[in-house]
């Protein structure tokens, strides 16, 4: 399968940006890495109350299939993390690297 990269922009509930980043760093990133994803970085845009990150996958499954594995995993369930508690809006875009 070819490499797939998504640029994800999350608008976070007022006053929860730092808490979201802590949960993302401590819980989401390690499991994503364990499942073969590559995290290209995470950035905070305080002016817009947004969190922006890059996630890629290149492996035997499609990005969508591997993403479904992430959501169905017992480790994801054990996080007790509902993104809706933190996120007002999400914008996920599949992008192609050019440089």
Protein backbone atom coordinates (compact mmCIF):
# COMPACT_ATOMS: atom_id res chain seq x y z
CA UNK A 1 0.00 0.00 0.00
CA UNK A 2 1.21 3.53 -0.66
CA UNK A 3 1.86 5.93 2.20
CA UNK A 4 -1.17 7.93 3.31
CA UNK A 5 -0.82 11.13 5.34
CA UNK A 6 -3.57 13.11 6.97
CA UNK A 7 -3.40 16.68 8.20
CA UNK A 8 -5.80 16.88 11.12
CA UNK A 9 -7.05 20.15 12.55
CA UNK A 10 -9.10 20.01 15.74
CA UNK A 11 -10.95 22.95 17.23
CA UNK A 12 -10.87 22.36 20.97
CA UNK A 13 -13.44 23.43 23.56
CA UNK A 14 -12.59 26.69 25.29
CA UNK A 15 -10.19 26.19 28.20
CA UNK A 16 -9.39 22.56 27.30
CA UNK A 17 -6.54 22.92 24.81
CA UNK A 18 -3.71 22.08 27.21
CA UNK A 19 -5.63 19.15 28.69
CA UNK A 20 -6.34 17.82 25.20
CA UNK A 21 -2.64 18.04 24.25
CA UNK A 22 -1.70 16.16 27.44
CA UNK A 23 -4.17 13.37 26.67
CA UNK A 24 -3.10 13.22 23.02
CA UNK A 25 0.57 13.01 24.00
CA UNK A 26 0.14 10.49 26.83
CA UNK A 27 -2.58 8.24 25.39
CA UNK A 28 -3.16 8.64 21.66
CA UNK A 29 0.40 8.99 20.35
CA UNK A 30 1.83 5.84 22.00
CA UNK A 31 -1.00 3.63 20.72
CA UNK A 32 -0.84 5.11 17.23
CA UNK A 33 2.90 4.43 17.12
CA UNK A 34 2.40 0.90 18.45
CA UNK A 35 -0.03 0.25 15.60
CA UNK A 36 2.43 1.39 12.94
CA UNK A 37 1.36 4.98 12.40
CA UNK A 38 3.95 7.76 12.12
CA UNK A 39 3.23 11.07 13.82
CA UNK A 40 4.77 13.97 11.89
CA UNK A 41 4.25 16.45 14.71
CA UNK A 42 1.60 18.28 16.68
CA UNK A 43 1.12 22.04 16.93
CA UNK A 44 -1.04 24.34 19.04
CA UNK A 45 -2.71 27.41 17.54
CA UNK A 46 -3.84 29.23 20.69
CA UNK A 47 -5.35 32.14 18.77
CA UNK A 48 -7.87 29.79 17.12
CA UNK A 49 -8.01 27.29 20.00
CA UNK A 50 -6.88 24.58 17.57
CA UNK A 51 -4.60 21.58 17.61
CA UNK A 52 -3.03 20.53 14.31
CA UNK A 53 -1.16 17.28 13.67
CA UNK A 54 0.14 15.01 10.92
CA UNK A 55 -0.41 11.26 10.94
CA UNK A 56 0.81 8.79 8.31
CA UNK A 57 0.54 5.10 7.64
CA UNK A 58 2.31 2.91 5.12
CA UNK A 59 1.78 -0.81 5.47
CA UNK A 60 -0.13 -3.86 4.32
CA UNK A 61 -3.55 -2.36 5.15
CA UNK A 62 -5.06 0.88 3.92
CA UNK A 63 -5.02 3.89 6.22
CA UNK A 64 -8.75 3.42 6.79
CA UNK A 65 -8.34 -0.25 7.71
CA UNK A 66 -5.50 0.48 10.14
CA UNK A 67 -7.46 3.40 11.59
CA UNK A 68 -10.40 1.07 12.21
CA UNK A 69 -8.00 -1.28 14.04
CA UNK A 70 -6.97 1.63 16.25
CA UNK A 71 -10.55 2.48 17.18
CA UNK A 72 -11.47 -1.17 17.79
CA UNK A 73 -8.42 -1.97 19.92
CA UNK A 74 -8.85 -2.82 23.62
CA UNK A 75 -6.12 -0.29 24.42
CA UNK A 76 -8.17 2.48 22.79
CA UNK A 77 -11.23 1.44 24.78
CA UNK A 78 -9.17 1.43 27.99
CA UNK A 79 -8.21 5.09 27.45
CA UNK A 80 -11.67 6.16 28.54
CA UNK A 81 -11.26 9.12 26.21
CA UNK A 82 -14.19 10.49 24.23
CA UNK A 83 -12.94 13.09 21.73
CA UNK A 84 -16.34 14.80 21.85
CA UNK A 85 -15.58 15.82 25.43
CA UNK A 86 -12.73 17.96 24.08
CA UNK A 87 -13.32 18.69 20.41
CA UNK A 88 -15.84 21.07 18.88
CA UNK A 89 -14.87 20.34 15.28
CA UNK A 90 -12.45 18.17 13.34
CA UNK A 91 -11.08 18.60 9.84
CA UNK A 92 -9.13 15.62 8.47
CA UNK A 93 -7.50 16.07 5.08
CA UNK A 94 -5.52 13.49 3.15
CA UNK A 95 -2.46 15.27 1.75
CA UNK A 96 0.44 14.35 -0.52
CA UNK A 97 4.01 15.20 0.39
CA UNK A 98 5.84 17.27 -2.22
CA UNK A 99 8.90 18.46 -0.32
